[in-house]
Amino acid sequence: MMQRRATSTIRVDEGLVLRPASKSHIAEIVEAFEETWPDVMRAMPWINPDKEIKPQIEDFIRDTERKGRSGLLHHWVMIRPWDGYVIGLIGFDRVTRSERATWNLGYWVRSSEQRHGFARRSIDSVLGWLGQVGEMIVEVKVDPNNTPGSKTVIRTVRKWKGERCVSGDSPITVAGIRTIHECHLIELGPRTSSS
């Protein structure tokens, strides 16, 4: 039986805090989403670009907030602590493609804040947080055409002693373009760390 815990705030460092995604962040998430359009679609391919974005994000956040309290999903808003500025989103869901993983990790950082280490620091923090609960395997998928994303995932897999999982590769359609996303697995548990 898998242990569950409610999504909780993670203080990454003096320049970054991860707060459980909630309705109070919707306007800022929509703003960050629109700034990062269309690249953000790689992280949220379920968004229908032919429909209004805000109601889709509202539904996602409401569902995430409810399931986060019961430990069924975990999503955080990346926030700059001194002014509450929303940098991006990171989270775990159950949409896995490999036969070994329990969780799938996904994230995105708004365009203006990319290449400042927010994704890297957030990923390390949430993997450490999740690994405190028990042993499990997390899946990370990346579009090989997304060079910055690929670099971040490769760095993460190396740091956490993960492995490539070709059987978990899966086609994902983003804005009508189908791309095979590469799958990587990372084992977590109380005895694992990113050292």
N, C-alpha and C. Protein backbone atom coordinates (compact mmCIF):
# COMPACT_ATOMS: atom_id res chain seq x y z
N MET A 1 0.84 -1.20 0.00
CA MET A 1 0.00 0.00 0.00
C MET A 1 0.88 1.25 0.00
N MET A 2 0.56 2.16 -0.89
CA MET A 2 1.33 3.39 -0.98
C MET A 2 0.92 4.38 0.10
N GLN A 3 1.92 4.99 0.72
CA GLN A 3 1.64 6.01 1.71
C GLN A 3 1.30 7.31 1.00
N ARG A 4 0.43 8.10 1.64
CA ARG A 4 0.04 9.38 1.06
C ARG A 4 0.32 10.49 2.04
N ARG A 5 0.55 11.68 1.50
CA ARG A 5 0.67 12.86 2.33
C ARG A 5 0.09 14.03 1.56
N ALA A 6 -0.45 14.98 2.29
CA ALA A 6 -1.00 16.17 1.65
C ALA A 6 0.13 17.02 1.09
N THR A 7 -0.13 17.69 0.00
CA THR A 7 0.85 18.60 -0.59
C THR A 7 1.10 19.73 0.40
N SER A 8 2.36 20.03 0.66
CA SER A 8 2.70 21.09 1.60
C SER A 8 3.73 22.03 1.01
N THR A 9 3.85 23.20 1.61
CA THR A 9 4.80 24.21 1.14
C THR A 9 6.24 23.71 1.29
N ILE A 10 7.06 24.00 0.29
CA ILE A 10 8.48 23.65 0.32
C ILE A 10 9.28 24.93 0.12
N ARG A 11 10.08 25.28 1.10
CA ARG A 11 10.97 26.44 0.94
C ARG A 11 12.27 25.93 0.31
N VAL A 12 12.50 26.27 -0.95
CA VAL A 12 13.65 25.78 -1.70
C VAL A 12 14.91 26.52 -1.26
N ASP A 13 14.85 27.84 -1.28
CA ASP A 13 15.96 28.69 -0.85
C ASP A 13 15.41 30.10 -0.68
N GLU A 14 16.27 31.08 -0.45
CA GLU A 14 15.79 32.45 -0.21
C GLU A 14 15.12 33.06 -1.42
N GLY A 15 15.33 32.50 -2.60
CA GLY A 15 14.73 33.06 -3.81
C GLY A 15 13.60 32.26 -4.42
N LEU A 16 13.19 31.18 -3.75
CA LEU A 16 12.16 30.32 -4.35
C LEU A 16 11.42 29.53 -3.28
N VAL A 17 10.09 29.59 -3.35
CA VAL A 17 9.25 28.78 -2.48
C VAL A 17 8.20 28.09 -3.36
N LEU A 18 7.88 26.84 -3.01
CA LEU A 18 6.86 26.09 -3.73
C LEU A 18 5.63 26.02 -2.84
N ARG A 19 4.52 26.59 -3.30
CA ARG A 19 3.28 26.57 -2.53
C ARG A 19 2.28 25.64 -3.22
N PRO A 20 1.52 24.86 -2.44
CA PRO A 20 0.51 24.00 -3.06
C PRO A 20 -0.38 24.83 -4.00
N ALA A 21 -0.58 24.33 -5.20
CA ALA A 21 -1.42 25.04 -6.18
C ALA A 21 -2.82 25.20 -5.60
N SER A 22 -3.35 26.42 -5.68
CA SER A 22 -4.68 26.68 -5.14
C SER A 22 -5.39 27.76 -5.96
N LYS A 23 -6.67 27.91 -5.70
CA LYS A 23 -7.49 28.89 -6.42
C LYS A 23 -6.93 30.30 -6.30
N SER A 24 -6.24 30.59 -5.21
CA SER A 24 -5.70 31.95 -5.01
C SER A 24 -4.62 32.30 -6.03
N HIS A 25 -4.08 31.32 -6.75
CA HIS A 25 -3.02 31.56 -7.72
C HIS A 25 -3.51 31.58 -9.17
N ILE A 26 -4.81 31.39 -9.40
CA ILE A 26 -5.29 31.19 -10.77
C ILE A 26 -4.94 32.35 -11.71
N ALA A 27 -5.19 33.58 -11.30
CA ALA A 27 -4.93 34.72 -12.19
C ALA A 27 -3.45 34.78 -12.59
N GLU A 28 -2.56 34.56 -11.63
CA GLU A 28 -1.13 34.62 -11.91
C GLU A 28 -0.67 33.44 -12.77
N ILE A 29 -1.27 32.25 -12.55
CA ILE A 29 -0.93 31.09 -13.38
C ILE A 29 -1.37 31.33 -14.82
N VAL A 30 -2.56 31.88 -15.00
CA VAL A 30 -3.05 32.17 -16.35
C VAL A 30 -2.11 33.18 -17.03
N GLU A 31 -1.71 34.21 -16.29
CA GLU A 31 -0.79 35.22 -16.84
C GLU A 31 0.53 34.57 -17.27
N ALA A 32 1.09 33.73 -16.41
CA ALA A 32 2.36 33.04 -16.72
C ALA A 32 2.17 32.09 -17.90
N PHE A 33 1.03 31.41 -17.94
CA PHE A 33 0.70 30.49 -19.03
C PHE A 33 0.67 31.25 -20.35
N GLU A 34 -0.04 32.37 -20.37
CA GLU A 34 -0.17 33.15 -21.60
C GLU A 34 1.17 33.71 -22.04
N GLU A 35 2.03 34.11 -21.09
CA GLU A 35 3.36 34.61 -21.43
C GLU A 35 4.20 33.53 -22.10
N THR A 36 4.01 32.29 -21.70
CA THR A 36 4.85 31.18 -22.14
C THR A 36 4.22 30.42 -23.32
N TRP A 37 3.09 30.89 -23.81
CA TRP A 37 2.42 30.27 -24.95
C TRP A 37 3.29 30.38 -26.18
N PRO A 38 3.45 29.40 -27.05
CA PRO A 38 2.81 28.09 -27.02
C PRO A 38 3.68 27.01 -26.36
N ASP A 39 4.90 27.36 -25.94
CA ASP A 39 5.82 26.35 -25.41
C ASP A 39 5.24 25.61 -24.20
N VAL A 40 4.41 26.28 -23.41
CA VAL A 40 3.85 25.67 -22.21
C VAL A 40 2.96 24.47 -22.54
N MET A 41 2.52 24.39 -23.79
CA MET A 41 1.67 23.27 -24.19
C MET A 41 2.39 21.92 -24.04
N ARG A 42 3.73 21.92 -24.08
CA ARG A 42 4.47 20.67 -23.87
C ARG A 42 4.21 20.12 -22.48
N ALA A 43 4.03 21.02 -21.51
CA ALA A 43 3.82 20.60 -20.12
C ALA A 43 2.35 20.34 -19.83
N MET A 44 1.46 20.95 -20.59
CA MET A 44 0.03 20.82 -20.34
C MET A 44 -0.70 20.53 -21.66
N PRO A 45 -0.41 19.37 -22.28
CA PRO A 45 -0.97 19.10 -23.61
C PRO A 45 -2.48 18.90 -23.61
N TRP A 46 -3.09 18.76 -22.44
CA TRP A 46 -4.54 18.58 -22.35
C TRP A 46 -5.29 19.90 -22.55
N ILE A 47 -4.58 21.02 -22.51
CA ILE A 47 -5.23 22.32 -22.74
C ILE A 47 -5.69 22.38 -24.19
N ASN A 48 -6.94 22.75 -24.42
CA ASN A 48 -7.47 22.90 -25.76
C ASN A 48 -7.28 24.36 -26.19
N PRO A 49 -6.39 24.62 -27.15
CA PRO A 49 -6.11 26.01 -27.56
C PRO A 49 -7.29 26.69 -28.26
N ASP A 50 -8.29 25.90 -28.66
CA ASP A 50 -9.47 26.48 -29.33
C ASP A 50 -10.52 26.95 -28.33
N LYS A 51 -10.29 26.69 -27.05
CA LYS A 51 -11.22 27.13 -26.01
C LYS A 51 -10.52 28.13 -25.11
N GLU A 52 -11.33 28.89 -24.36
CA GLU A 52 -10.76 29.88 -23.44
C GLU A 52 -9.87 29.17 -22.42
N ILE A 53 -8.70 29.74 -22.17
CA ILE A 53 -7.69 29.11 -21.30
C ILE A 53 -8.09 29.16 -19.83
N LYS A 54 -8.57 30.30 -19.35
CA LYS A 54 -8.80 30.49 -17.91
C LYS A 54 -9.71 29.42 -17.30
N PRO A 55 -10.87 29.10 -17.90
CA PRO A 55 -11.72 28.06 -17.29
C PRO A 55 -11.04 26.69 -17.23
N GLN A 56 -10.21 26.38 -18.22
CA GLN A 56 -9.50 25.09 -18.22
C GLN A 56 -8.48 25.05 -17.08
N ILE A 57 -7.77 26.14 -16.87
CA ILE A 57 -6.80 26.20 -15.78
C ILE A 57 -7.52 26.21 -14.43
N GLU A 58 -8.66 26.91 -14.35
CA GLU A 58 -9.44 26.90 -13.11
C GLU A 58 -9.86 25.49 -12.73
N ASP A 59 -10.37 24.73 -13.71
CA ASP A 59 -10.79 23.35 -13.45
C ASP A 59 -9.60 22.50 -12.99
N PHE A 60 -8.45 22.66 -13.66
CA PHE A 60 -7.24 21.93 -13.31
C PHE A 60 -6.80 22.25 -11.88
N ILE A 61 -6.77 23.53 -11.53
CA ILE A 61 -6.32 23.94 -10.19
C ILE A 61 -7.30 23.47 -9.12
N ARG A 62 -8.59 23.57 -9.37
CA ARG A 62 -9.58 23.09 -8.39
C ARG A 62 -9.40 21.59 -8.13
N ASP A 63 -9.25 20.83 -9.21
CA ASP A 63 -9.04 19.38 -9.10
C ASP A 63 -7.73 19.08 -8.36
N THR A 64 -6.69 19.80 -8.73
CA THR A 64 -5.37 19.62 -8.13
C THR A 64 -5.38 19.96 -6.64
N GLU A 65 -6.04 21.05 -6.30
CA GLU A 65 -6.10 21.48 -4.90
C GLU A 65 -6.81 20.42 -4.05
N ARG A 66 -7.93 19.92 -4.54
CA ARG A 66 -8.70 18.89 -3.81
C ARG A 66 -7.89 17.60 -3.67
N LYS A 67 -7.31 17.15 -4.77
CA LYS A 67 -6.54 15.90 -4.74
C LYS A 67 -5.21 16.07 -4.00
N GLY A 68 -4.68 17.28 -3.96
CA GLY A 68 -3.45 17.55 -3.22
C GLY A 68 -3.66 17.41 -1.73
N ARG A 69 -4.83 17.82 -1.24
CA ARG A 69 -5.13 17.68 0.20
C ARG A 69 -5.19 16.22 0.61
N SER A 70 -5.61 15.35 -0.31
CA SER A 70 -5.70 13.92 0.02
C SER A 70 -4.49 13.12 -0.46
N GLY A 71 -3.50 13.79 -1.05
CA GLY A 71 -2.27 13.11 -1.46
C GLY A 71 -2.38 12.31 -2.75
N LEU A 72 -3.43 12.56 -3.54
CA LEU A 72 -3.60 11.82 -4.80
C LEU A 72 -2.82 12.45 -5.94
N LEU A 73 -2.58 13.74 -5.86
CA LEU A 73 -1.76 14.49 -6.82
C LEU A 73 -0.96 15.49 -6.01
N HIS A 74 0.11 15.99 -6.58
CA HIS A 74 0.88 17.04 -5.91
C HIS A 74 1.31 18.06 -6.96
N HIS A 75 0.80 19.28 -6.83
CA HIS A 75 1.22 20.36 -7.73
C HIS A 75 1.52 21.60 -6.90
N TRP A 76 2.62 22.26 -7.27
CA TRP A 76 3.03 23.46 -6.58
C TRP A 76 3.18 24.60 -7.57
N VAL A 77 2.97 25.80 -7.06
CA VAL A 77 3.25 27.00 -7.81
C VAL A 77 4.64 27.47 -7.37
N MET A 78 5.53 27.70 -8.35
CA MET A 78 6.87 28.24 -8.05
C MET A 78 6.69 29.74 -7.83
N ILE A 79 7.10 30.21 -6.65
CA ILE A 79 6.86 31.61 -6.29
C ILE A 79 8.14 32.27 -5.80
N ARG A 80 8.33 33.52 -6.21
CA ARG A 80 9.40 34.36 -5.68
C ARG A 80 8.88 34.90 -4.35
N PRO A 81 9.53 34.56 -3.22
CA PRO A 81 8.94 34.84 -1.91
C PRO A 81 8.77 36.32 -1.55
N TRP A 82 9.63 37.20 -2.03
CA TRP A 82 9.54 38.59 -1.56
C TRP A 82 8.40 39.38 -2.19
N ASP A 83 7.87 38.92 -3.35
CA ASP A 83 6.77 39.67 -3.95
C ASP A 83 5.62 38.78 -4.45
N GLY A 84 5.73 37.45 -4.24
CA GLY A 84 4.65 36.55 -4.63
C GLY A 84 4.54 36.31 -6.12
N TYR A 85 5.55 36.70 -6.88
CA TYR A 85 5.54 36.55 -8.34
C TYR A 85 5.56 35.08 -8.72
N VAL A 86 4.63 34.67 -9.59
CA VAL A 86 4.54 33.28 -10.03
C VAL A 86 5.53 33.02 -11.16
N ILE A 87 6.41 32.04 -10.92
CA ILE A 87 7.48 31.70 -11.85
C ILE A 87 7.07 30.52 -12.74
N GLY A 88 6.27 29.59 -12.20
CA GLY A 88 5.86 28.42 -12.98
C GLY A 88 5.11 27.43 -12.12
N LEU A 89 4.97 26.23 -12.64
CA LEU A 89 4.27 25.14 -11.96
C LEU A 89 5.13 23.89 -12.00
N ILE A 90 4.99 23.07 -10.98
CA ILE A 90 5.66 21.77 -10.96
C ILE A 90 4.75 20.80 -10.22
N GLY A 91 4.76 19.54 -10.63
CA GLY A 91 3.90 18.61 -9.92
C GLY A 91 4.03 17.17 -10.36
N PHE A 92 3.38 16.33 -9.58
CA PHE A 92 3.32 14.90 -9.84
C PHE A 92 1.88 14.50 -10.11
N ASP A 93 1.67 13.71 -11.15
CA ASP A 93 0.37 13.11 -11.39
C ASP A 93 0.55 11.62 -11.61
N ARG A 94 -0.54 10.92 -11.90
CA ARG A 94 -0.51 9.47 -12.06
C ARG A 94 -0.50 9.01 -13.50
N VAL A 95 -0.29 9.94 -14.45
CA VAL A 95 -0.32 9.59 -15.87
C VAL A 95 1.07 9.09 -16.27
N THR A 96 1.30 7.81 -16.05
CA THR A 96 2.59 7.21 -16.36
C THR A 96 2.48 6.31 -17.59
N ARG A 97 3.59 6.13 -18.28
CA ARG A 97 3.63 5.30 -19.48
C ARG A 97 4.45 4.03 -19.26
N SER A 98 5.42 4.10 -18.37
CA SER A 98 6.22 2.90 -18.09
C SER A 98 5.40 2.00 -17.18
N GLU A 99 5.79 0.76 -17.07
CA GLU A 99 5.06 -0.14 -16.19
C GLU A 99 5.60 -0.11 -14.77
N ARG A 100 6.67 0.66 -14.55
CA ARG A 100 7.32 0.66 -13.24
C ARG A 100 7.00 1.88 -12.38
N ALA A 101 6.68 3.01 -13.00
CA ALA A 101 6.54 4.25 -12.25
C ALA A 101 5.16 4.39 -11.60
N THR A 102 5.17 5.02 -10.43
CA THR A 102 3.94 5.36 -9.71
C THR A 102 3.52 6.79 -10.01
N TRP A 103 4.50 7.65 -10.17
CA TRP A 103 4.27 9.08 -10.37
C TRP A 103 4.93 9.56 -11.65
N ASN A 104 4.35 10.60 -12.24
CA ASN A 104 4.91 11.30 -13.38
C ASN A 104 5.20 12.73 -12.94
N LEU A 105 6.42 13.21 -13.19
CA LEU A 105 6.81 14.57 -12.83
C LEU A 105 6.71 15.46 -14.06
N GLY A 106 6.06 16.60 -13.88
CA GLY A 106 5.97 17.59 -14.95
C GLY A 106 6.20 18.98 -14.39
N TYR A 107 6.64 19.90 -15.23
CA TYR A 107 6.90 21.26 -14.78
C TYR A 107 6.94 22.20 -15.97
N TRP A 108 6.81 23.48 -15.71
CA TRP A 108 7.10 24.52 -16.69
C TRP A 108 7.44 25.81 -15.96
N VAL A 109 8.27 26.60 -16.60
CA VAL A 109 8.71 27.88 -16.06
C VAL A 109 8.36 28.96 -17.08
N ARG A 110 7.80 30.06 -16.62
CA ARG A 110 7.40 31.13 -17.55
C ARG A 110 8.61 31.63 -18.33
N SER A 111 8.36 32.07 -19.55
CA SER A 111 9.43 32.45 -20.50
C SER A 111 10.44 33.41 -19.90
N SER A 112 9.97 34.45 -19.21
CA SER A 112 10.87 35.49 -18.70
C SER A 112 11.77 35.02 -17.56
N GLU A 113 11.46 33.84 -16.98
CA GLU A 113 12.23 33.34 -15.84
C GLU A 113 13.04 32.08 -16.16
N GLN A 114 13.04 31.68 -17.42
CA GLN A 114 13.79 30.48 -17.81
C GLN A 114 15.29 30.74 -17.78
N ARG A 115 16.04 29.66 -17.62
CA ARG A 115 17.51 29.68 -17.58
C ARG A 115 18.08 30.37 -16.34
N HIS A 116 17.33 30.32 -15.25
CA HIS A 116 17.80 30.87 -13.97
C HIS A 116 17.86 29.78 -12.89
N GLY A 117 17.67 28.51 -13.29
CA GLY A 117 17.77 27.42 -12.34
C GLY A 117 16.51 27.12 -11.55
N PHE A 118 15.40 27.78 -11.87
CA PHE A 118 14.17 27.54 -11.11
C PHE A 118 13.66 26.11 -11.29
N ALA A 119 13.70 25.61 -12.52
CA ALA A 119 13.24 24.24 -12.76
C ALA A 119 14.13 23.25 -12.01
N ARG A 120 15.44 23.39 -12.17
CA ARG A 120 16.40 22.47 -11.53
C ARG A 120 16.20 22.45 -10.02
N ARG A 121 16.13 23.62 -9.39
CA ARG A 121 16.00 23.68 -7.93
C ARG A 121 14.64 23.15 -7.47
N SER A 122 13.60 23.43 -8.24
CA SER A 122 12.26 22.93 -7.89
C SER A 122 12.19 21.41 -8.02
N ILE A 123 12.75 20.88 -9.11
CA ILE A 123 12.74 19.43 -9.33
C ILE A 123 13.44 18.72 -8.19
N ASP A 124 14.64 19.18 -7.83
CA ASP A 124 15.38 18.55 -6.74
C ASP A 124 14.58 18.60 -5.44
N SER A 125 13.92 19.72 -5.19
CA SER A 125 13.16 19.87 -3.95
C SER A 125 11.94 18.95 -3.89
N VAL A 126 11.19 18.86 -4.99
CA VAL A 126 9.98 18.01 -4.95
C VAL A 126 10.34 16.53 -4.96
N LEU A 127 11.44 16.15 -5.64
CA LEU A 127 11.86 14.75 -5.58
C LEU A 127 12.28 14.39 -4.15
N GLY A 128 13.01 15.27 -3.49
CA GLY A 128 13.39 15.04 -2.10
C GLY A 128 12.17 14.95 -1.19
N TRP A 129 11.21 15.82 -1.40
CA TRP A 129 9.97 15.85 -0.60
C TRP A 129 9.20 14.54 -0.77
N LEU A 130 9.00 14.12 -2.02
CA LEU A 130 8.23 12.90 -2.29
C LEU A 130 8.95 11.66 -1.76
N GLY A 131 10.27 11.64 -1.88
CA GLY A 131 11.05 10.49 -1.43
C GLY A 131 11.03 10.26 0.07
N GLN A 132 10.63 11.27 0.84
CA GLN A 132 10.54 11.11 2.30
C GLN A 132 9.44 10.15 2.72
N VAL A 133 8.45 9.96 1.85
CA VAL A 133 7.27 9.16 2.19
C VAL A 133 7.55 7.66 2.14
N GLY A 134 8.35 7.23 1.17
CA GLY A 134 8.61 5.81 1.00
C GLY A 134 9.29 5.57 -0.33
N GLU A 135 9.50 4.31 -0.64
CA GLU A 135 10.17 3.97 -1.90
C GLU A 135 9.17 3.98 -3.05
N MET A 136 9.58 4.58 -4.15
CA MET A 136 8.73 4.66 -5.34
C MET A 136 9.58 5.03 -6.54
N ILE A 137 8.98 4.91 -7.71
CA ILE A 137 9.65 5.29 -8.95
C ILE A 137 8.86 6.41 -9.60
N VAL A 138 9.60 7.43 -10.02
CA VAL A 138 9.02 8.60 -10.69
C VAL A 138 9.47 8.59 -12.14
N GLU A 139 8.53 8.90 -13.00
CA GLU A 139 8.79 8.98 -14.43
C GLU A 139 8.92 10.45 -14.82
N VAL A 140 9.90 10.75 -15.66
CA VAL A 140 10.06 12.10 -16.21
C VAL A 140 10.14 11.93 -17.72
N LYS A 141 9.24 12.61 -18.42
CA LYS A 141 9.23 12.53 -19.88
C LYS A 141 9.63 13.88 -20.46
N VAL A 142 10.33 13.85 -21.60
CA VAL A 142 10.76 15.09 -22.22
C VAL A 142 10.70 14.99 -23.73
N ASP A 143 10.32 16.07 -24.35
CA ASP A 143 10.35 16.18 -25.81
C ASP A 143 11.82 16.37 -26.21
N PRO A 144 12.39 15.44 -26.98
CA PRO A 144 13.81 15.56 -27.34
C PRO A 144 14.12 16.81 -28.16
N ASN A 145 13.09 17.44 -28.75
CA ASN A 145 13.29 18.67 -29.51
C ASN A 145 13.34 19.91 -28.61
N ASN A 146 13.04 19.73 -27.35
CA ASN A 146 13.07 20.81 -26.36
C ASN A 146 14.45 20.78 -25.70
N THR A 147 15.41 21.48 -26.30
CA THR A 147 16.80 21.41 -25.84
C THR A 147 16.96 21.81 -24.37
N PRO A 148 16.42 22.94 -23.92
CA PRO A 148 16.58 23.28 -22.49
C PRO A 148 15.94 22.24 -21.57
N GLY A 149 14.76 21.76 -21.96
CA GLY A 149 14.08 20.74 -21.16
C GLY A 149 14.87 19.45 -21.10
N SER A 150 15.44 19.04 -22.25
CA SER A 150 16.25 17.83 -22.29
C SER A 150 17.47 17.95 -21.39
N LYS A 151 18.12 19.11 -21.42
CA LYS A 151 19.29 19.32 -20.56
C LYS A 151 18.91 19.22 -19.09
N THR A 152 17.78 19.81 -18.73
CA THR A 152 17.33 19.76 -17.33
C THR A 152 17.03 18.33 -16.91
N VAL A 153 16.33 17.58 -17.76
CA VAL A 153 15.98 16.20 -17.43
C VAL A 153 17.23 15.33 -17.34
N ILE A 154 18.16 15.46 -18.28
CA ILE A 154 19.39 14.66 -18.26
C ILE A 154 20.18 14.96 -16.98
N ARG A 155 20.29 16.22 -16.61
CA ARG A 155 20.99 16.61 -15.39
C ARG A 155 20.32 15.98 -14.16
N THR A 156 18.98 16.03 -14.15
CA THR A 156 18.23 15.48 -13.02
C THR A 156 18.42 13.96 -12.93
N VAL A 157 18.33 13.28 -14.06
CA VAL A 157 18.48 11.83 -14.08
C VAL A 157 19.87 11.43 -13.60
N ARG A 158 20.89 12.15 -14.04
CA ARG A 158 22.26 11.87 -13.57
C ARG A 158 22.38 12.10 -12.07
N LYS A 159 21.91 13.26 -11.63
CA LYS A 159 22.06 13.64 -10.22
C LYS A 159 21.34 12.66 -9.29
N TRP A 160 20.17 12.18 -9.72
CA TRP A 160 19.36 11.28 -8.88
C TRP A 160 19.60 9.81 -9.23
N LYS A 161 20.61 9.54 -10.04
CA LYS A 161 20.99 8.17 -10.42
C LYS A 161 19.83 7.42 -11.09
N GLY A 162 19.14 8.12 -11.99
CA GLY A 162 18.03 7.53 -12.71
C GLY A 162 18.50 6.79 -13.94
N GLU A 163 17.54 6.40 -14.76
CA GLU A 163 17.87 5.63 -15.97
C GLU A 163 16.87 5.94 -17.08
N ARG A 164 17.31 5.73 -18.30
CA ARG A 164 16.44 5.86 -19.47
C ARG A 164 15.50 4.66 -19.50
N CYS A 165 14.26 4.87 -19.92
CA CYS A 165 13.27 3.79 -20.00
C CYS A 165 12.56 3.87 -21.35
N VAL A 166 13.14 3.24 -22.35
CA VAL A 166 12.61 3.32 -23.71
C VAL A 166 11.17 2.79 -23.78
N SER A 167 10.85 1.77 -22.97
CA SER A 167 9.49 1.22 -23.01
C SER A 167 8.44 2.22 -22.54
N GLY A 168 8.86 3.27 -21.85
CA GLY A 168 7.94 4.31 -21.40
C GLY A 168 7.81 5.47 -22.36
N ASP A 169 8.60 5.46 -23.45
CA ASP A 169 8.48 6.53 -24.46
C ASP A 169 7.06 6.55 -24.98
N SER A 170 6.53 7.74 -25.20
CA SER A 170 5.15 7.80 -25.67
C SER A 170 4.92 9.02 -26.55
N PRO A 171 4.04 8.85 -27.54
CA PRO A 171 3.71 9.99 -28.39
C PRO A 171 2.78 10.94 -27.65
N ILE A 172 3.09 12.22 -27.72
CA ILE A 172 2.24 13.24 -27.11
C ILE A 172 1.95 14.26 -28.19
N THR A 173 0.68 14.60 -28.34
CA THR A 173 0.28 15.58 -29.34
C THR A 173 0.16 16.94 -28.67
N VAL A 174 0.92 17.89 -29.18
CA VAL A 174 0.89 19.26 -28.69
C VAL A 174 0.61 20.17 -29.87
N ALA A 175 -0.50 20.93 -29.77
CA ALA A 175 -0.88 21.85 -30.84
C ALA A 175 -0.90 21.16 -32.20
N GLY A 176 -1.40 19.93 -32.22
CA GLY A 176 -1.56 19.19 -33.47
C GLY A 176 -0.32 18.48 -33.97
N ILE A 177 0.79 18.62 -33.26
CA ILE A 177 2.04 17.97 -33.68
C ILE A 177 2.35 16.83 -32.71
N ARG A 178 2.50 15.64 -33.28
CA ARG A 178 2.76 14.44 -32.48
C ARG A 178 4.26 14.20 -32.39
N THR A 179 4.76 14.10 -31.16
CA THR A 179 6.19 13.88 -30.92
C THR A 179 6.36 12.77 -29.90
N ILE A 180 7.34 11.91 -30.12
CA ILE A 180 7.65 10.87 -29.14
C ILE A 180 8.45 11.52 -28.01
N HIS A 181 7.91 11.46 -26.80
CA HIS A 181 8.60 11.98 -25.63
C HIS A 181 9.41 10.86 -24.98
N GLU A 182 10.64 11.17 -24.63
CA GLU A 182 11.54 10.19 -24.04
C GLU A 182 11.27 10.08 -22.55
N CYS A 183 11.27 8.85 -22.06
CA CYS A 183 10.95 8.55 -20.66
C CYS A 183 12.23 8.21 -19.88
N HIS A 184 12.30 8.72 -18.68
CA HIS A 184 13.39 8.41 -17.74
C HIS A 184 12.76 8.07 -16.40
N LEU A 185 13.40 7.19 -15.64
CA LEU A 185 12.89 6.78 -14.33
C LEU A 185 13.89 7.15 -13.24
N ILE A 186 13.35 7.58 -12.11
CA ILE A 186 14.16 7.91 -10.94
C ILE A 186 13.56 7.20 -9.74
N GLU A 187 14.37 6.40 -9.05
CA GLU A 187 13.91 5.72 -7.84
C GLU A 187 14.10 6.63 -6.65
N LEU A 188 13.05 6.72 -5.84
CA LEU A 188 13.08 7.56 -4.65
C LEU A 188 12.82 6.70 -3.42
N GLY A 189 13.21 7.22 -2.29
CA GLY A 189 12.95 6.59 -1.01
C GLY A 189 13.74 7.29 0.07
N PRO A 190 13.47 6.97 1.31
CA PRO A 190 14.17 7.63 2.43
C PRO A 190 15.68 7.53 2.35
N ARG A 191 16.20 6.52 1.67
CA ARG A 191 17.66 6.36 1.61
C ARG A 191 18.27 6.96 0.34
N THR A 192 17.43 7.53 -0.54
CA THR A 192 17.96 8.12 -1.75
C THR A 192 18.14 9.62 -1.57
N SER A 193 19.04 10.17 -2.30
CA SER A 193 19.23 11.62 -2.31
C SER A 193 19.86 11.99 -3.63
N SER A 194 19.95 13.29 -3.85
CA SER A 194 20.51 13.76 -5.10
C SER A 194 22.01 13.95 -5.04
N SER A 195 22.65 13.46 -3.98
CA SER A 195 24.08 13.72 -3.83
C SER A 195 24.91 12.95 -4.83
